[in-house]
PDB file of N, CA and C in Angstrom:
ATOM      1  N   MET A   1      12.036 -46.713 -22.152  1.00  0.00           N
ATOM      2  CA  MET A   1      12.151 -45.280 -21.958  1.00  0.00           C
ATOM      3  C   MET A   1      13.418 -44.974 -21.171  1.00  0.00           C
ATOM      4  N   SER A   2      14.061 -43.914 -21.536  1.00  0.00           N
ATOM      5  CA  SER A   2      15.258 -43.491 -20.815  1.00  0.00           C
ATOM      6  C   SER A   2      15.202 -41.990 -20.593  1.00  0.00           C
ATOM      7  N   GLN A   3      15.989 -41.545 -19.629  1.00  0.00           N
ATOM      8  CA  GLN A   3      15.956 -40.141 -19.246  1.00  0.00           C
ATOM      9  C   GLN A   3      17.351 -39.688 -18.838  1.00  0.00           C
ATOM     10  N   VAL A   4      17.713 -38.483 -19.249  1.00  0.00           N
ATOM     11  CA  VAL A   4      18.952 -37.845 -18.828  1.00  0.00           C
ATOM     12  C   VAL A   4      18.584 -36.831 -17.755  1.00  0.00           C
ATOM     13  N   ILE A   5      19.149 -36.983 -16.579  1.00  0.00           N
ATOM     14  CA  ILE A   5      18.872 -36.077 -15.462  1.00  0.00           C
ATOM     15  C   ILE A   5      20.161 -35.318 -15.182  1.00  0.00           C
ATOM     16  N   ILE A   6      20.134 -34.018 -15.383  1.00  0.00           N
ATOM     17  CA  ILE A   6      21.329 -33.205 -15.189  1.00  0.00           C
ATOM     18  C   ILE A   6      21.334 -32.677 -13.755  1.00  0.00           C
ATOM     19  N   GLU A   7      22.224 -33.231 -12.954  1.00  0.00           N
ATOM     20  CA  GLU A   7      22.362 -32.820 -11.559  1.00  0.00           C
ATOM     21  C   GLU A   7      23.162 -31.526 -11.456  1.00  0.00           C
ATOM     22  N   SER A   8      24.209 -31.438 -12.247  1.00  0.00           N
ATOM     23  CA  SER A   8      25.036 -30.240 -12.332  1.00  0.00           C
ATOM     24  C   SER A   8      25.678 -30.248 -13.711  1.00  0.00           C
ATOM     25  N   ASN A   9      26.445 -29.229 -14.018  1.00  0.00           N
ATOM     26  CA  ASN A   9      27.044 -29.128 -15.345  1.00  0.00           C
ATOM     27  C   ASN A   9      27.876 -30.360 -15.701  1.00  0.00           C
ATOM     28  N   ASN A  10      28.556 -30.947 -14.709  1.00  0.00           N
ATOM     29  CA  ASN A  10      29.429 -32.083 -15.032  1.00  0.00           C
ATOM     30  C   ASN A  10      29.075 -33.373 -14.293  1.00  0.00           C
ATOM     31  N   TYR A  11      27.825 -33.484 -13.804  1.00  0.00           N
ATOM     32  CA  TYR A  11      27.353 -34.717 -13.175  1.00  0.00           C
ATOM     33  C   TYR A  11      25.927 -34.991 -13.633  1.00  0.00           C
ATOM     34  N   TRP A  12      25.778 -36.048 -14.422  1.00  0.00           N
ATOM     35  CA  TRP A  12      24.469 -36.417 -14.952  1.00  0.00           C
ATOM     36  C   TRP A  12      24.119 -37.831 -14.514  1.00  0.00           C
ATOM     37  N   ARG A  13      22.814 -38.123 -14.484  1.00  0.00           N
ATOM     38  CA  ARG A  13      22.326 -39.472 -14.218  1.00  0.00           C
ATOM     39  C   ARG A  13      21.521 -39.947 -15.421  1.00  0.00           C
ATOM     40  N   LEU A  14      21.685 -41.205 -15.765  1.00  0.00           N
ATOM     41  CA  LEU A  14      20.822 -41.824 -16.760  1.00  0.00           C
ATOM     42  C   LEU A  14      19.864 -42.739 -16.027  1.00  0.00           C
ATOM     43  N   ALA A  15      18.607 -42.702 -16.412  1.00  0.00           N
ATOM     44  CA  ALA A  15      17.592 -43.523 -15.760  1.00  0.00           C
ATOM     45  C   ALA A  15      16.786 -44.259 -16.823  1.00  0.00           C
ATOM     46  N   GLY A  16      16.321 -45.437 -16.441  1.00  0.00           N
ATOM     47  CA  GLY A  16      15.453 -46.202 -17.329  1.00  0.00           C
ATOM     48  C   GLY A  16      16.189 -47.295 -18.063  1.00  0.00           C
ATOM     49  N   GLU A  17      16.059 -47.272 -19.379  1.00  0.00           N
ATOM     50  CA  GLU A  17      16.516 -48.365 -20.223  1.00  0.00           C
ATOM     51  C   GLU A  17      17.623 -47.918 -21.176  1.00  0.00           C
ATOM     52  N   LEU A  18      18.673 -48.729 -21.272  1.00  0.00           N
ATOM     53  CA  LEU A  18      19.709 -48.549 -22.293  1.00  0.00           C
ATOM     54  C   LEU A  18      19.624 -49.774 -23.183  1.00  0.00           C
ATOM     55  N   SER A  19      18.912 -49.653 -24.275  1.00  0.00           N
ATOM     56  CA  SER A  19      18.666 -50.821 -25.113  1.00  0.00           C
ATOM     57  C   SER A  19      18.617 -50.433 -26.577  1.00  0.00           C
ATOM     58  N   PHE A  20      18.434 -51.432 -27.407  1.00  0.00           N
ATOM     59  CA  PHE A  20      18.307 -51.219 -28.839  1.00  0.00           C
ATOM     60  C   PHE A  20      17.209 -50.198 -29.143  1.00  0.00           C
ATOM     61  N   ILE A  21      16.162 -50.207 -28.368  1.00  0.00           N
ATOM     62  CA  ILE A  21      15.027 -49.304 -28.581  1.00  0.00           C
ATOM     63  C   ILE A  21      15.384 -47.861 -28.254  1.00  0.00           C
ATOM     64  N   THR A  22      16.195 -47.638 -27.231  1.00  0.00           N
ATOM     65  CA  THR A  22      16.465 -46.276 -26.758  1.00  0.00           C
ATOM     66  C   THR A  22      17.831 -45.721 -27.146  1.00  0.00           C
ATOM     67  N   ALA A  23      18.763 -46.581 -27.522  1.00  0.00           N
ATOM     68  CA  ALA A  23      20.166 -46.163 -27.683  1.00  0.00           C
ATOM     69  C   ALA A  23      20.362 -45.076 -28.745  1.00  0.00           C
ATOM     70  N   GLY A  24      19.732 -45.206 -29.885  1.00  0.00           N
ATOM     71  CA  GLY A  24      19.934 -44.222 -30.961  1.00  0.00           C
ATOM     72  C   GLY A  24      19.507 -42.821 -30.559  1.00  0.00           C
ATOM     73  N   ASP A  25      18.290 -42.704 -30.054  1.00  0.00           N
ATOM     74  CA  ASP A  25      17.785 -41.389 -29.637  1.00  0.00           C
ATOM     75  C   ASP A  25      18.587 -40.844 -28.458  1.00  0.00           C
ATOM     76  N   LEU A  26      18.957 -41.721 -27.542  1.00  0.00           N
ATOM     77  CA  LEU A  26      19.723 -41.288 -26.375  1.00  0.00           C
ATOM     78  C   LEU A  26      21.113 -40.800 -26.774  1.00  0.00           C
ATOM     79  N   LEU A  27      21.737 -41.454 -27.743  1.00  0.00           N
ATOM     80  CA  LEU A  27      23.046 -41.007 -28.216  1.00  0.00           C
ATOM     81  C   LEU A  27      22.956 -39.608 -28.808  1.00  0.00           C
ATOM     82  N   VAL A  28      21.931 -39.344 -29.594  1.00  0.00           N
ATOM     83  CA  VAL A  28      21.742 -38.006 -30.174  1.00  0.00           C
ATOM     84  C   VAL A  28      21.526 -36.982 -29.068  1.00  0.00           C
ATOM     85  N   GLU A  29      20.653 -37.305 -28.116  1.00  0.00           N
ATOM     86  CA  GLU A  29      20.376 -36.375 -27.010  1.00  0.00           C
ATOM     87  C   GLU A  29      21.626 -36.093 -26.192  1.00  0.00           C
ATOM     88  N   LEU A  30      22.358 -37.136 -25.817  1.00  0.00           N
ATOM     89  CA  LEU A  30      23.561 -36.949 -25.006  1.00  0.00           C
ATOM     90  C   LEU A  30      24.637 -36.182 -25.763  1.00  0.00           C
ATOM     91  N   THR A  31      24.832 -36.501 -27.024  1.00  0.00           N
ATOM     92  CA  THR A  31      25.833 -35.795 -27.826  1.00  0.00           C
ATOM     93  C   THR A  31      25.504 -34.308 -27.919  1.00  0.00           C
ATOM     94  N   ASN A  32      24.235 -33.984 -28.127  1.00  0.00           N
ATOM     95  CA  ASN A  32      23.822 -32.576 -28.183  1.00  0.00           C
ATOM     96  C   ASN A  32      24.044 -31.873 -26.852  1.00  0.00           C
ATOM     97  N   LYS A  33      23.696 -32.541 -25.762  1.00  0.00           N
ATOM     98  CA  LYS A  33      23.878 -31.934 -24.437  1.00  0.00           C
ATOM     99  C   LYS A  33      25.370 -31.766 -24.108  1.00  0.00           C
ATOM    100  N   ILE A  34      26.164 -32.761 -24.467  1.00  0.00           N
ATOM    101  CA  ILE A  34      27.609 -32.688 -24.194  1.00  0.00           C
ATOM    102  C   ILE A  34      28.237 -31.531 -24.953  1.00  0.00           C
ATOM    103  N   SER A  35      27.747 -31.260 -26.148  1.00  0.00           N
ATOM    104  CA  SER A  35      28.322 -30.169 -26.948  1.00  0.00           C
ATOM    105  C   SER A  35      28.102 -28.801 -26.306  1.00  0.00           C
ATOM    106  N   THR A  36      27.207 -28.701 -25.343  1.00  0.00           N
ATOM    107  CA  THR A  36      26.942 -27.423 -24.672  1.00  0.00           C
ATOM    108  C   THR A  36      27.638 -27.301 -23.320  1.00  0.00           C
ATOM    109  N   LEU A  37      28.402 -28.330 -22.930  1.00  0.00           N
ATOM    110  CA  LEU A  37      29.076 -28.299 -21.627  1.00  0.00           C
ATOM    111  C   LEU A  37      30.105 -27.179 -21.534  1.00  0.00           C
ATOM    112  N   ASP A  38      30.227 -26.623 -20.344  1.00  0.00           N
ATOM    113  CA  ASP A  38      31.259 -25.627 -20.056  1.00  0.00           C
ATOM    114  C   ASP A  38      32.546 -26.295 -19.589  1.00  0.00           C
ATOM    115  N   SER A  39      32.490 -27.594 -19.370  1.00  0.00           N
ATOM    116  CA  SER A  39      33.611 -28.340 -18.814  1.00  0.00           C
ATOM    117  C   SER A  39      34.062 -29.401 -19.815  1.00  0.00           C
ATOM    118  N   ASN A  40      35.289 -29.869 -19.654  1.00  0.00           N
ATOM    119  CA  ASN A  40      35.744 -30.973 -20.501  1.00  0.00           C
ATOM    120  C   ASN A  40      35.749 -32.292 -19.724  1.00  0.00           C
ATOM    121  N   GLU A  41      35.064 -32.308 -18.582  1.00  0.00           N
ATOM    122  CA  GLU A  41      34.928 -33.512 -17.772  1.00  0.00           C
ATOM    123  C   GLU A  41      33.467 -33.724 -17.430  1.00  0.00           C
ATOM    124  N   LEU A  42      33.043 -34.987 -17.468  1.00  0.00           N
ATOM    125  CA  LEU A  42      31.648 -35.321 -17.181  1.00  0.00           C
ATOM    126  C   LEU A  42      31.598 -36.673 -16.481  1.00  0.00           C
ATOM    127  N   THR A  43      30.814 -36.746 -15.408  1.00  0.00           N
ATOM    128  CA  THR A  43      30.529 -38.016 -14.751  1.00  0.00           C
ATOM    129  C   THR A  43      29.087 -38.387 -15.059  1.00  0.00           C
ATOM    130  N   ILE A  44      28.892 -39.628 -15.494  1.00  0.00           N
ATOM    131  CA  ILE A  44      27.547 -40.125 -15.780  1.00  0.00           C
ATOM    132  C   ILE A  44      27.256 -41.277 -14.832  1.00  0.00           C
ATOM    133  N   ASP A  45      26.252 -41.087 -13.987  1.00  0.00           N
ATOM    134  CA  ASP A  45      25.829 -42.073 -12.989  1.00  0.00           C
ATOM    135  C   ASP A  45      24.814 -43.020 -13.638  1.00  0.00           C
ATOM    136  N   LEU A  46      25.094 -44.307 -13.585  1.00  0.00           N
ATOM    137  CA  LEU A  46      24.230 -45.310 -14.216  1.00  0.00           C
ATOM    138  C   LEU A  46      23.411 -46.104 -13.199  1.00  0.00           C
ATOM    139  N   SER A  47      23.328 -45.639 -11.974  1.00  0.00           N
ATOM    140  CA  SER A  47      22.664 -46.392 -10.907  1.00  0.00           C
ATOM    141  C   SER A  47      21.171 -46.591 -11.139  1.00  0.00           C
ATOM    142  N   GLU A  48      20.551 -45.765 -11.969  1.00  0.00           N
ATOM    143  CA  GLU A  48      19.113 -45.881 -12.193  1.00  0.00           C
ATOM    144  C   GLU A  48      18.761 -46.583 -13.501  1.00  0.00           C
ATOM    145  N   ILE A  49      19.734 -47.248 -14.106  1.00  0.00           N
ATOM    146  CA  ILE A  49      19.466 -48.036 -15.309  1.00  0.00           C
ATOM    147  C   ILE A  49      18.812 -49.342 -14.869  1.00  0.00           C
ATOM    148  N   LYS A  50      17.641 -49.607 -15.404  1.00  0.00           N
ATOM    149  CA  LYS A  50      16.866 -50.791 -15.003  1.00  0.00           C
ATOM    150  C   LYS A  50      16.983 -51.939 -15.988  1.00  0.00           C
ATOM    151  N   ASN A  51      17.257 -51.647 -17.248  1.00  0.00           N
ATOM    152  CA  ASN A  51      17.347 -52.681 -18.264  1.00  0.00           C
ATOM    153  C   ASN A  51      18.376 -52.258 -19.294  1.00  0.00           C
ATOM    154  N   THR A  52      19.176 -53.217 -19.764  1.00  0.00           N
ATOM    155  CA  THR A  52      20.164 -52.888 -20.775  1.00  0.00           C
ATOM    156  C   THR A  52      20.446 -54.102 -21.641  1.00  0.00           C
ATOM    157  N   ASP A  53      21.031 -53.838 -22.798  1.00  0.00           N
ATOM    158  CA  ASP A  53      21.473 -54.904 -23.686  1.00  0.00           C
ATOM    159  C   ASP A  53      22.753 -54.432 -24.377  1.00  0.00           C
ATOM    160  N   SER A  54      23.184 -55.150 -25.384  1.00  0.00           N
ATOM    161  CA  SER A  54      24.443 -54.811 -26.039  1.00  0.00           C
ATOM    162  C   SER A  54      24.408 -53.437 -26.704  1.00  0.00           C
ATOM    163  N   ALA A  55      23.248 -52.974 -27.119  1.00  0.00           N
ATOM    164  CA  ALA A  55      23.149 -51.626 -27.696  1.00  0.00           C
ATOM    165  C   ALA A  55      23.423 -50.562 -26.632  1.00  0.00           C
ATOM    166  N   GLY A  56      23.024 -50.822 -25.400  1.00  0.00           N
ATOM    167  CA  GLY A  56      23.345 -49.905 -24.305  1.00  0.00           C
ATOM    168  C   GLY A  56      24.833 -49.834 -24.058  1.00  0.00           C
ATOM    169  N   LEU A  57      25.492 -50.982 -24.110  1.00  0.00           N
ATOM    170  CA  LEU A  57      26.944 -51.013 -23.969  1.00  0.00           C
ATOM    171  C   LEU A  57      27.596 -50.248 -25.117  1.00  0.00           C
ATOM    172  N   ALA A  58      27.126 -50.459 -26.327  1.00  0.00           N
ATOM    173  CA  ALA A  58      27.672 -49.750 -27.491  1.00  0.00           C
ATOM    174  C   ALA A  58      27.509 -48.242 -27.338  1.00  0.00           C
ATOM    175  N   LEU A  59      26.398 -47.812 -26.781  1.00  0.00           N
ATOM    176  CA  LEU A  59      26.157 -46.387 -26.534  1.00  0.00           C
ATOM    177  C   LEU A  59      27.222 -45.823 -25.604  1.00  0.00           C
ATOM    178  N   LEU A  60      27.508 -46.516 -24.521  1.00  0.00           N
ATOM    179  CA  LEU A  60      28.512 -46.037 -23.562  1.00  0.00           C
ATOM    180  C   LEU A  60      29.889 -45.952 -24.212  1.00  0.00           C
ATOM    181  N   ILE A  61      30.239 -46.954 -24.988  1.00  0.00           N
ATOM    182  CA  ILE A  61      31.529 -46.938 -25.671  1.00  0.00           C
ATOM    183  C   ILE A  61      31.595 -45.786 -26.667  1.00  0.00           C
ATOM    184  N   GLU A  62      30.509 -45.540 -27.365  1.00  0.00           N
ATOM    185  CA  GLU A  62      30.470 -44.418 -28.318  1.00  0.00           C
ATOM    186  C   GLU A  62      30.652 -43.081 -27.597  1.00  0.00           C
ATOM    187  N   LEU A  63      30.082 -42.944 -26.416  1.00  0.00           N
ATOM    188  CA  LEU A  63      30.258 -41.709 -25.645  1.00  0.00           C
ATOM    189  C   LEU A  63      31.722 -41.475 -25.284  1.00  0.00           C
ATOM    190  N   LEU A  64      32.453 -42.561 -25.053  1.00  0.00           N
ATOM    191  CA  LEU A  64      33.871 -42.428 -24.703  1.00  0.00           C
ATOM    192  C   LEU A  64      34.702 -41.897 -25.863  1.00  0.00           C
ATOM    193  N   ARG A  65      34.164 -41.947 -27.059  1.00  0.00           N
ATOM    194  CA  ARG A  65      34.876 -41.453 -28.239  1.00  0.00           C
ATOM    195  C   ARG A  65      34.770 -39.929 -28.381  1.00  0.00           C
ATOM    196  N   ILE A  66      33.864 -39.316 -27.642  1.00  0.00           N
ATOM    197  CA  ILE A  66      33.700 -37.860 -27.685  1.00  0.00           C
ATOM    198  C   ILE A  66      34.911 -37.212 -27.017  1.00  0.00           C
ATOM    199  N   ASP A  67      35.282 -36.065 -27.493  1.00  0.00           N
ATOM    200  CA  ASP A  67      36.528 -35.421 -27.077  1.00  0.00           C
ATOM    201  C   ASP A  67      36.420 -34.691 -25.737  1.00  0.00           C
ATOM    202  N   ILE A  68      35.870 -35.396 -24.729  1.00  0.00           N
ATOM    203  CA  ILE A  68      35.906 -34.916 -23.345  1.00  0.00           C
ATOM    204  C   ILE A  68      36.173 -36.137 -22.467  1.00  0.00           C
ATOM    205  N   SER A  69      36.511 -35.893 -21.228  1.00  0.00           N
ATOM    206  CA  SER A  69      36.750 -36.985 -20.289  1.00  0.00           C
ATOM    207  C   SER A  69      35.430 -37.389 -19.644  1.00  0.00           C
ATOM    208  N   ILE A  70      34.964 -38.599 -19.953  1.00  0.00           N
ATOM    209  CA  ILE A  70      33.719 -39.099 -19.378  1.00  0.00           C
ATOM    210  C   ILE A  70      34.043 -40.247 -18.431  1.00  0.00           C
ATOM    211  N   THR A  71      33.499 -40.157 -17.223  1.00  0.00           N
ATOM    212  CA  THR A  71      33.632 -41.205 -16.223  1.00  0.00           C
ATOM    213  C   THR A  71      32.249 -41.750 -15.923  1.00  0.00           C
ATOM    214  N   PHE A  72      32.123 -43.080 -15.957  1.00  0.00           N
ATOM    215  CA  PHE A  72      30.865 -43.718 -15.584  1.00  0.00           C
ATOM    216  C   PHE A  72      30.975 -44.194 -14.146  1.00  0.00           C
ATOM    217  N   CYS A  73      29.924 -44.010 -13.370  1.00  0.00           N
ATOM    218  CA  CYS A  73      29.906 -44.529 -12.008  1.00  0.00           C
ATOM    219  C   CYS A  73      28.648 -45.366 -11.811  1.00  0.00           C
ATOM    220  N   ASN A  74      28.697 -46.245 -10.835  1.00  0.00           N
ATOM    221  CA  ASN A  74      27.577 -47.133 -10.518  1.00  0.00           C
ATOM    222  C   ASN A  74      27.128 -47.929 -11.744  1.00  0.00           C
ATOM    223  N   ILE A  75      28.094 -48.532 -12.417  1.00  0.00           N
ATOM    224  CA  ILE A  75      27.824 -49.302 -13.626  1.00  0.00           C
ATOM    225  C   ILE A  75      27.077 -50.581 -13.245  1.00  0.00           C
ATOM    226  N   PRO A  76      25.908 -50.817 -13.842  1.00  0.00           N
ATOM    227  CA  PRO A  76      25.149 -52.035 -13.520  1.00  0.00           C
ATOM    228  C   PRO A  76      25.915 -53.308 -13.894  1.00  0.00           C
ATOM    229  N   GLU A  77      25.686 -54.353 -13.123  1.00  0.00           N
ATOM    230  CA  GLU A  77      26.362 -55.631 -13.345  1.00  0.00           C
ATOM    231  C   GLU A  77      26.110 -56.169 -14.756  1.00  0.00           C
ATOM    232  N   ARG A  78      24.930 -55.966 -15.284  1.00  0.00           N
ATOM    233  CA  ARG A  78      24.612 -56.460 -16.636  1.00  0.00           C
ATOM    234  C   ARG A  78      25.540 -55.822 -17.674  1.00  0.00           C
ATOM    235  N   ILE A  79      25.802 -54.537 -17.542  1.00  0.00           N
ATOM    236  CA  ILE A  79      26.704 -53.859 -18.470  1.00  0.00           C
ATOM    237  C   ILE A  79      28.125 -54.374 -18.287  1.00  0.00           C
ATOM    238  N   LEU A  80      28.535 -54.577 -17.047  1.00  0.00           N
ATOM    239  CA  LEU A  80      29.872 -55.111 -16.796  1.00  0.00           C
ATOM    240  C   LEU A  80      30.025 -56.515 -17.375  1.00  0.00           C
ATOM    241  N   SER A  81      28.989 -57.336 -17.256  1.00  0.00           N
ATOM    242  CA  SER A  81      29.030 -58.685 -17.815  1.00  0.00           C
ATOM    243  C   SER A  81      29.119 -58.648 -19.333  1.00  0.00           C
ATOM    244  N   LEU A  82      28.303 -57.830 -19.958  1.00  0.00           N
ATOM    245  CA  LEU A  82      28.341 -57.704 -21.418  1.00  0.00           C
ATOM    246  C   LEU A  82      29.698 -57.188 -21.889  1.00  0.00           C
ATOM    247  N   SER A  83      30.242 -56.230 -21.151  1.00  0.00           N
ATOM    248  CA  SER A  83      31.529 -55.663 -21.557  1.00  0.00           C
ATOM    249  C   SER A  83      32.663 -56.676 -21.392  1.00  0.00           C
ATOM    250  N   ALA A  84      32.559 -57.547 -20.394  1.00  0.00           N
ATOM    251  CA  ALA A  84      33.576 -58.585 -20.207  1.00  0.00           C
ATOM    252  C   ALA A  84      33.523 -59.590 -21.355  1.00  0.00           C
ATOM    253  N   VAL A  85      32.328 -59.997 -21.736  1.00  0.00           N
ATOM    254  CA  VAL A  85      32.164 -60.937 -22.851  1.00  0.00           C
ATOM    255  C   VAL A  85      32.695 -60.314 -24.140  1.00  0.00           C
ATOM    256  N   GLY A  86      32.447 -59.034 -24.327  1.00  0.00           N
ATOM    257  CA  GLY A  86      32.894 -58.342 -25.530  1.00  0.00           C
ATOM    258  C   GLY A  86      34.353 -57.907 -25.501  1.00  0.00           C
ATOM    259  N   GLY A  87      35.023 -58.120 -24.375  1.00  0.00           N
ATOM    260  CA  GLY A  87      36.435 -57.763 -24.266  1.00  0.00           C
ATOM    261  C   GLY A  87      36.698 -56.272 -24.141  1.00  0.00           C
ATOM    262  N   VAL A  88      35.688 -55.524 -23.685  1.00  0.00           N
ATOM    263  CA  VAL A  88      35.847 -54.070 -23.571  1.00  0.00           C
ATOM    264  C   VAL A  88      35.631 -53.571 -22.137  1.00  0.00           C
ATOM    265  N   ARG A  89      35.637 -54.489 -21.188  1.00  0.00           N
ATOM    266  CA  ARG A  89      35.375 -54.110 -19.792  1.00  0.00           C
ATOM    267  C   ARG A  89      36.348 -53.043 -19.292  1.00  0.00           C
ATOM    268  N   ASP A  90      37.612 -53.154 -19.701  1.00  0.00           N
ATOM    269  CA  ASP A  90      38.615 -52.192 -19.244  1.00  0.00           C
ATOM    270  C   ASP A  90      38.299 -50.773 -19.692  1.00  0.00           C
ATOM    271  N   LEU A  91      37.655 -50.616 -20.811  1.00  0.00           N
ATOM    272  CA  LEU A  91      37.265 -49.270 -21.264  1.00  0.00           C
ATOM    273  C   LEU A  91      36.349 -48.599 -20.248  1.00  0.00           C
ATOM    274  N   LEU A  92      35.398 -49.360 -19.716  1.00  0.00           N
ATOM    275  CA  LEU A  92      34.446 -48.805 -18.747  1.00  0.00           C
ATOM    276  C   LEU A  92      35.054 -48.700 -17.366  1.00  0.00           C
ATOM    277  N   ILE A  93      35.786 -49.734 -16.952  1.00  0.00           N
ATOM    278  CA  ILE A  93      36.370 -49.759 -15.610  1.00  0.00           C
ATOM    279  C   ILE A  93      37.417 -48.673 -15.447  1.00  0.00           C
ATOM    280  N   ASN A  94      38.235 -48.468 -16.455  1.00  0.00           N
ATOM    281  CA  ASN A  94      39.266 -47.432 -16.367  1.00  0.00           C
ATOM    282  C   ASN A  94      38.648 -46.048 -16.320  1.00  0.00           C
ATOM    283  N   LYS A  95      37.379 -45.941 -16.678  1.00  0.00           N
ATOM    284  CA  LYS A  95      36.682 -44.667 -16.614  1.00  0.00           C
ATOM    285  C   LYS A  95      35.886 -44.539 -15.313  1.00  0.00           C
ATOM    286  N   GLY A  96      35.938 -45.535 -14.452  1.00  0.00           N
ATOM    287  CA  GLY A  96      35.267 -45.446 -13.156  1.00  0.00           C
ATOM    288  C   GLY A  96      34.186 -46.486 -12.998  1.00  0.00           C
ATOM    289  N   VAL A  97      33.913 -46.819 -11.750  1.00  0.00           N
ATOM    290  CA  VAL A  97      32.836 -47.738 -11.410  1.00  0.00           C
ATOM    291  C   VAL A  97      32.022 -47.114 -10.323  1.00  0.00           C
TER     292      VAL A  97
END
């Protein structure tokens, strides 16, 4: 299970699981919510992610393709490890830790 918690218009938290089970639905939900933003900048806090896999990493990379500036903060070590193995760590790090 995963949850999008909107703290403010441009600061959101993701909680729960970023995995093969949740990634598809979460991508649709996040894309829909992002399309309603009043800002072209968004920070997504990942400190409450408890479980993730490569599908969670793919979700984050897909979000970076949206035409707004997205910064991730508090990136879990598991995501950083997966991104290093996949050679995409710089994509996440350059967007914030």
